[in-house]
């Protein structure tokens, strides 16, 4: 079998990719004037978040199907990621995995009238996590667009999933792991 190296060699690399995709979504919501860029970054993050189960299963010689079912039970939002990724690739979802499969699935942007001061502080903390040093702190109420699905902000869902994957990887790294 021919191998192609695209710069990713481990699940940790893909978690870092997921972080970057979430950051791009975050930035696009503040900076881009078009919904297309926001949707593109959101979709890229969703697809990465969903497919991490395959990479982790392969790295750890696990049954992909059994591992997938297990992580979906421990992180139900992965079912939502499955449905979005599958709909995007196949234009249909024959076996919906989200909590309310009868509901129409629509990822869209909406305008938030302003960013509150506590959210501004959280954004600053988030930026510092990515190595961006904020030299001058000044709160300004800014309107921005936010990507939502099922009434929830996609960025928050993705952050929860990212943290789940990091915890999941730690279970494989620990010497007493039974996973």
C-alpha atoms as a PDB file:
ATOM      1  CA  UNK A   1       0.000   0.000   0.000  1.00  0.00           C
ATOM      2  CA  UNK A   2       1.330   3.434  -0.936  1.00  0.00           C
ATOM      3  CA  UNK A   3       1.568   5.943   1.877  1.00  0.00           C
ATOM      4  CA  UNK A   4       1.099   9.676   1.510  1.00  0.00           C
ATOM      5  CA  UNK A   5       2.536  12.005   4.141  1.00  0.00           C
ATOM      6  CA  UNK A   6       0.512  15.189   4.568  1.00  0.00           C
ATOM      7  CA  UNK A   7       2.173  16.288   7.788  1.00  0.00           C
ATOM      8  CA  UNK A   8      -0.116  14.524  10.249  1.00  0.00           C
ATOM      9  CA  UNK A   9       1.213  11.366  11.839  1.00  0.00           C
ATOM     10  CA  UNK A  10      -0.806  10.966  15.043  1.00  0.00           C
ATOM     11  CA  UNK A  11      -4.098  11.680  16.744  1.00  0.00           C
ATOM     12  CA  UNK A  12      -2.320  14.438  18.693  1.00  0.00           C
ATOM     13  CA  UNK A  13      -1.537  16.122  15.363  1.00  0.00           C
ATOM     14  CA  UNK A  14      -5.223  15.963  14.467  1.00  0.00           C
ATOM     15  CA  UNK A  15      -6.275  17.398  17.828  1.00  0.00           C
ATOM     16  CA  UNK A  16      -3.909  20.301  17.139  1.00  0.00           C
ATOM     17  CA  UNK A  17      -5.544  20.622  13.703  1.00  0.00           C
ATOM     18  CA  UNK A  18      -8.952  20.690  15.406  1.00  0.00           C
ATOM     19  CA  UNK A  19      -7.735  23.486  17.706  1.00  0.00           C
ATOM     20  CA  UNK A  20      -6.597  25.494  14.678  1.00  0.00           C
ATOM     21  CA  UNK A  21      -9.900  24.911  12.884  1.00  0.00           C
ATOM     22  CA  UNK A  22     -11.856  26.072  15.956  1.00  0.00           C
ATOM     23  CA  UNK A  23      -9.614  29.138  16.170  1.00  0.00           C
ATOM     24  CA  UNK A  24     -10.236  29.908  12.472  1.00  0.00           C
ATOM     25  CA  UNK A  25     -13.981  29.634  13.067  1.00  0.00           C
ATOM     26  CA  UNK A  26     -13.669  31.889  16.102  1.00  0.00           C
ATOM     27  CA  UNK A  27     -11.732  34.522  14.147  1.00  0.00           C
ATOM     28  CA  UNK A  28     -14.048  34.318  11.120  1.00  0.00           C
ATOM     29  CA  UNK A  29     -17.054  35.070  13.324  1.00  0.00           C
ATOM     30  CA  UNK A  30     -15.451  38.368  14.308  1.00  0.00           C
ATOM     31  CA  UNK A  31     -13.579  39.321  11.166  1.00  0.00           C
ATOM     32  CA  UNK A  32     -15.253  37.953   8.074  1.00  0.00           C
ATOM     33  CA  UNK A  33     -18.095  39.698   6.375  1.00  0.00           C
ATOM     34  CA  UNK A  34     -19.303  36.587   4.549  1.00  0.00           C
ATOM     35  CA  UNK A  35     -21.152  33.609   5.912  1.00  0.00           C
ATOM     36  CA  UNK A  36     -19.249  31.330   3.523  1.00  0.00           C
ATOM     37  CA  UNK A  37     -15.952  31.706   5.407  1.00  0.00           C
ATOM     38  CA  UNK A  38     -17.641  31.077   8.737  1.00  0.00           C
ATOM     39  CA  UNK A  39     -19.435  28.006   7.382  1.00  0.00           C
ATOM     40  CA  UNK A  40     -16.246  26.708   5.715  1.00  0.00           C
ATOM     41  CA  UNK A  41     -14.222  26.926   8.931  1.00  0.00           C
ATOM     42  CA  UNK A  42     -17.062  25.461  10.967  1.00  0.00           C
ATOM     43  CA  UNK A  43     -17.487  22.538   8.586  1.00  0.00           C
ATOM     44  CA  UNK A  44     -13.736  21.827   8.492  1.00  0.00           C
ATOM     45  CA  UNK A  45     -13.695  21.680  12.298  1.00  0.00           C
ATOM     46  CA  UNK A  46     -16.782  19.432  12.403  1.00  0.00           C
ATOM     47  CA  UNK A  47     -15.269  16.954   9.937  1.00  0.00           C
ATOM     48  CA  UNK A  48     -11.977  16.863  11.856  1.00  0.00           C
ATOM     49  CA  UNK A  49     -13.813  16.427  15.187  1.00  0.00           C
ATOM     50  CA  UNK A  50     -15.844  13.521  13.834  1.00  0.00           C
ATOM     51  CA  UNK A  51     -13.032  11.613  12.107  1.00  0.00           C
ATOM     52  CA  UNK A  52     -10.710  11.648  15.116  1.00  0.00           C
ATOM     53  CA  UNK A  53     -12.371   8.422  16.315  1.00  0.00           C
ATOM     54  CA  UNK A  54     -11.008   6.558  13.283  1.00  0.00           C
ATOM     55  CA  UNK A  55      -7.461   7.800  13.860  1.00  0.00           C
ATOM     56  CA  UNK A  56      -7.465   6.987  17.576  1.00  0.00           C
ATOM     57  CA  UNK A  57      -8.949   3.520  16.948  1.00  0.00           C
ATOM     58  CA  UNK A  58      -6.279   2.737  14.353  1.00  0.00           C
ATOM     59  CA  UNK A  59      -3.436   4.027  16.561  1.00  0.00           C
ATOM     60  CA  UNK A  60      -4.573   1.823  19.419  1.00  0.00           C
ATOM     61  CA  UNK A  61      -5.505  -1.273  17.366  1.00  0.00           C
ATOM     62  CA  UNK A  62      -9.166  -1.015  18.324  1.00  0.00           C
ATOM     63  CA  UNK A  63     -12.241  -2.013  16.347  1.00  0.00           C
ATOM     64  CA  UNK A  64     -13.286   1.202  14.610  1.00  0.00           C
ATOM     65  CA  UNK A  65     -17.010   0.398  14.936  1.00  0.00           C
ATOM     66  CA  UNK A  66     -16.852  -0.565  18.622  1.00  0.00           C
ATOM     67  CA  UNK A  67     -14.706   2.437  19.491  1.00  0.00           C
ATOM     68  CA  UNK A  68     -16.979   4.787  17.527  1.00  0.00           C
ATOM     69  CA  UNK A  69     -20.057   3.520  19.364  1.00  0.00           C
ATOM     70  CA  UNK A  70     -18.296   3.871  22.711  1.00  0.00           C
ATOM     71  CA  UNK A  71     -17.146   7.444  22.179  1.00  0.00           C
ATOM     72  CA  UNK A  72     -20.575   8.486  20.896  1.00  0.00           C
ATOM     73  CA  UNK A  73     -22.099   7.202  24.124  1.00  0.00           C
ATOM     74  CA  UNK A  74     -19.531   9.147  26.186  1.00  0.00           C
ATOM     75  CA  UNK A  75     -19.782  12.299  24.037  1.00  0.00           C
ATOM     76  CA  UNK A  76     -23.267  12.512  22.475  1.00  0.00           C
ATOM     77  CA  UNK A  77     -22.362  15.633  20.466  1.00  0.00           C
ATOM     78  CA  UNK A  78     -20.207  13.377  18.290  1.00  0.00           C
ATOM     79  CA  UNK A  79     -23.492  12.051  16.878  1.00  0.00           C
ATOM     80  CA  UNK A  80     -24.255  15.567  15.688  1.00  0.00           C
ATOM     81  CA  UNK A  81     -20.769  15.805  14.138  1.00  0.00           C
ATOM     82  CA  UNK A  82     -21.405  12.451  12.403  1.00  0.00           C
ATOM     83  CA  UNK A  83     -24.635  13.701  10.872  1.00  0.00           C
ATOM     84  CA  UNK A  84     -23.105  16.946   9.594  1.00  0.00           C
ATOM     85  CA  UNK A  85     -20.005  15.229   8.170  1.00  0.00           C
ATOM     86  CA  UNK A  86     -22.076  12.453   6.565  1.00  0.00           C
ATOM     87  CA  UNK A  87     -24.625  14.863   5.097  1.00  0.00           C
ATOM     88  CA  UNK A  88     -21.791  16.909   3.627  1.00  0.00           C
ATOM     89  CA  UNK A  89     -20.068  13.932   2.012  1.00  0.00           C
ATOM     90  CA  UNK A  90     -23.068  11.858   0.897  1.00  0.00           C
ATOM     91  CA  UNK A  91     -25.856  14.505   0.736  1.00  0.00           C
ATOM     92  CA  UNK A  92     -27.951  12.308   3.016  1.00  0.00           C
ATOM     93  CA  UNK A  93     -27.840  10.656   6.435  1.00  0.00           C
ATOM     94  CA  UNK A  94     -29.368   7.177   6.374  1.00  0.00           C
ATOM     95  CA  UNK A  95     -28.673   6.485  10.070  1.00  0.00           C
ATOM     96  CA  UNK A  96     -28.885   9.756  12.032  1.00  0.00           C
ATOM     97  CA  UNK A  97     -26.860   9.728  15.247  1.00  0.00           C
ATOM     98  CA  UNK A  98     -27.898  13.014  16.864  1.00  0.00           C
ATOM     99  CA  UNK A  99     -30.227  13.279  19.845  1.00  0.00           C
ATOM    100  CA  UNK A 100     -33.280  14.419  17.830  1.00  0.00           C
ATOM    101  CA  UNK A 101     -32.917  12.850  14.367  1.00  0.00           C
ATOM    102  CA  UNK A 102     -36.415  13.922  13.355  1.00  0.00           C
ATOM    103  CA  UNK A 103     -35.382  17.596  13.519  1.00  0.00           C
ATOM    104  CA  UNK A 104     -34.086  19.355  10.439  1.00  0.00           C
ATOM    105  CA  UNK A 105     -30.352  19.877  10.672  1.00  0.00           C
ATOM    106  CA  UNK A 106     -29.274  23.370   9.665  1.00  0.00           C
ATOM    107  CA  UNK A 107     -25.972  25.065  10.360  1.00  0.00           C
ATOM    108  CA  UNK A 108     -26.322  28.802   9.889  1.00  0.00           C
ATOM    109  CA  UNK A 109     -24.979  32.114  11.081  1.00  0.00           C
ATOM    110  CA  UNK A 110     -26.821  34.721  13.057  1.00  0.00           C
ATOM    111  CA  UNK A 111     -25.756  38.157  14.230  1.00  0.00           C
ATOM    112  CA  UNK A 112     -25.128  38.738  17.892  1.00  0.00           C
ATOM    113  CA  UNK A 113     -25.713  42.384  18.733  1.00  0.00           C
ATOM    114  CA  UNK A 114     -22.526  42.740  20.781  1.00  0.00           C
ATOM    115  CA  UNK A 115     -19.920  40.839  22.716  1.00  0.00           C
ATOM    116  CA  UNK A 116     -20.311  41.209  26.468  1.00  0.00           C
ATOM    117  CA  UNK A 117     -17.335  42.136  28.631  1.00  0.00           C
ATOM    118  CA  UNK A 118     -17.080  38.688  30.228  1.00  0.00           C
ATOM    119  CA  UNK A 119     -17.038  37.146  26.745  1.00  0.00           C
ATOM    120  CA  UNK A 120     -14.336  39.619  25.753  1.00  0.00           C
ATOM    121  CA  UNK A 121     -12.213  38.467  28.691  1.00  0.00           C
ATOM    122  CA  UNK A 122     -12.833  34.842  27.693  1.00  0.00           C
ATOM    123  CA  UNK A 123     -11.758  35.654  24.120  1.00  0.00           C
ATOM    124  CA  UNK A 124      -8.540  37.169  25.465  1.00  0.00           C
ATOM    125  CA  UNK A 125      -7.875  34.028  27.525  1.00  0.00           C
ATOM    126  CA  UNK A 126      -8.648  31.902  24.458  1.00  0.00           C
ATOM    127  CA  UNK A 127      -6.201  33.929  22.363  1.00  0.00           C
ATOM    128  CA  UNK A 128      -3.469  33.468  24.964  1.00  0.00           C
ATOM    129  CA  UNK A 129      -4.088  29.697  24.914  1.00  0.00           C
ATOM    130  CA  UNK A 130      -3.150  29.817  21.228  1.00  0.00           C
ATOM    131  CA  UNK A 131       0.009  31.780  21.997  1.00  0.00           C
ATOM    132  CA  UNK A 132      -1.369  35.159  20.976  1.00  0.00           C
ATOM    133  CA  UNK A 133      -0.241  37.693  23.559  1.00  0.00           C
ATOM    134  CA  UNK A 134      -2.689  40.511  24.171  1.00  0.00           C
ATOM    135  CA  UNK A 135      -0.608  43.539  25.070  1.00  0.00           C
ATOM    136  CA  UNK A 136      -3.362  46.101  25.476  1.00  0.00           C
ATOM    137  CA  UNK A 137      -6.713  45.100  26.901  1.00  0.00           C
ATOM    138  CA  UNK A 138      -9.624  47.285  25.969  1.00  0.00           C
ATOM    139  CA  UNK A 139     -13.237  46.208  26.039  1.00  0.00           C
ATOM    140  CA  UNK A 140     -15.357  47.390  23.125  1.00  0.00           C
ATOM    141  CA  UNK A 141     -18.875  46.113  22.517  1.00  0.00           C
ATOM    142  CA  UNK A 142     -18.644  44.629  19.007  1.00  0.00           C
ATOM    143  CA  UNK A 143     -21.343  43.061  16.844  1.00  0.00           C
ATOM    144  CA  UNK A 144     -20.301  39.706  15.416  1.00  0.00           C
ATOM    145  CA  UNK A 145     -21.704  36.707  13.603  1.00  0.00           C
ATOM    146  CA  UNK A 146     -21.989  33.336  15.294  1.00  0.00           C
ATOM    147  CA  UNK A 147     -22.427  29.888  13.745  1.00  0.00           C
ATOM    148  CA  UNK A 148     -25.238  27.879  15.317  1.00  0.00           C
ATOM    149  CA  UNK A 149     -26.812  24.485  14.962  1.00  0.00           C
ATOM    150  CA  UNK A 150     -29.851  23.261  16.860  1.00  0.00           C
ATOM    151  CA  UNK A 151     -29.849  26.639  18.628  1.00  0.00           C
ATOM    152  CA  UNK A 152     -26.354  26.109  20.067  1.00  0.00           C
ATOM    153  CA  UNK A 153     -23.116  27.829  19.157  1.00  0.00           C
ATOM    154  CA  UNK A 154     -20.982  25.482  17.048  1.00  0.00           C
ATOM    155  CA  UNK A 155     -17.745  26.853  18.524  1.00  0.00           C
ATOM    156  CA  UNK A 156     -18.842  25.867  22.040  1.00  0.00           C
ATOM    157  CA  UNK A 157     -19.888  22.385  20.899  1.00  0.00           C
ATOM    158  CA  UNK A 158     -16.534  21.930  19.148  1.00  0.00           C
ATOM    159  CA  UNK A 159     -14.607  23.115  22.214  1.00  0.00           C
ATOM    160  CA  UNK A 160     -16.451  20.552  24.358  1.00  0.00           C
ATOM    161  CA  UNK A 161     -15.594  17.842  21.829  1.00  0.00           C
ATOM    162  CA  UNK A 162     -11.952  18.974  21.662  1.00  0.00           C
ATOM    163  CA  UNK A 163     -11.681  18.675  25.450  1.00  0.00           C
ATOM    164  CA  UNK A 164     -13.337  15.243  25.259  1.00  0.00           C
ATOM    165  CA  UNK A 165     -10.743  14.053  22.702  1.00  0.00           C
ATOM    166  CA  UNK A 166      -7.892  15.362  24.840  1.00  0.00           C
ATOM    167  CA  UNK A 167      -9.232  13.463  27.859  1.00  0.00           C
ATOM    168  CA  UNK A 168      -9.737  10.403  25.657  1.00  0.00           C
ATOM    169  CA  UNK A 169      -6.121  10.497  24.466  1.00  0.00           C
ATOM    170  CA  UNK A 170      -4.961  10.750  28.067  1.00  0.00           C
ATOM    171  CA  UNK A 171      -6.685   7.441  28.837  1.00  0.00           C
ATOM    172  CA  UNK A 172      -4.491   5.744  26.237  1.00  0.00           C
ATOM    173  CA  UNK A 173      -1.373   7.485  27.502  1.00  0.00           C
ATOM    174  CA  UNK A 174      -1.837   6.391  31.127  1.00  0.00           C
ATOM    175  CA  UNK A 175      -0.105   3.140  32.135  1.00  0.00           C
ATOM    176  CA  UNK A 176      -3.237   1.847  33.892  1.00  0.00           C
ATOM    177  CA  UNK A 177      -5.468   2.374  30.873  1.00  0.00           C
ATOM    178  CA  UNK A 178      -7.987  -0.348  30.082  1.00  0.00           C
ATOM    179  CA  UNK A 179      -9.350   1.260  26.919  1.00  0.00           C
END
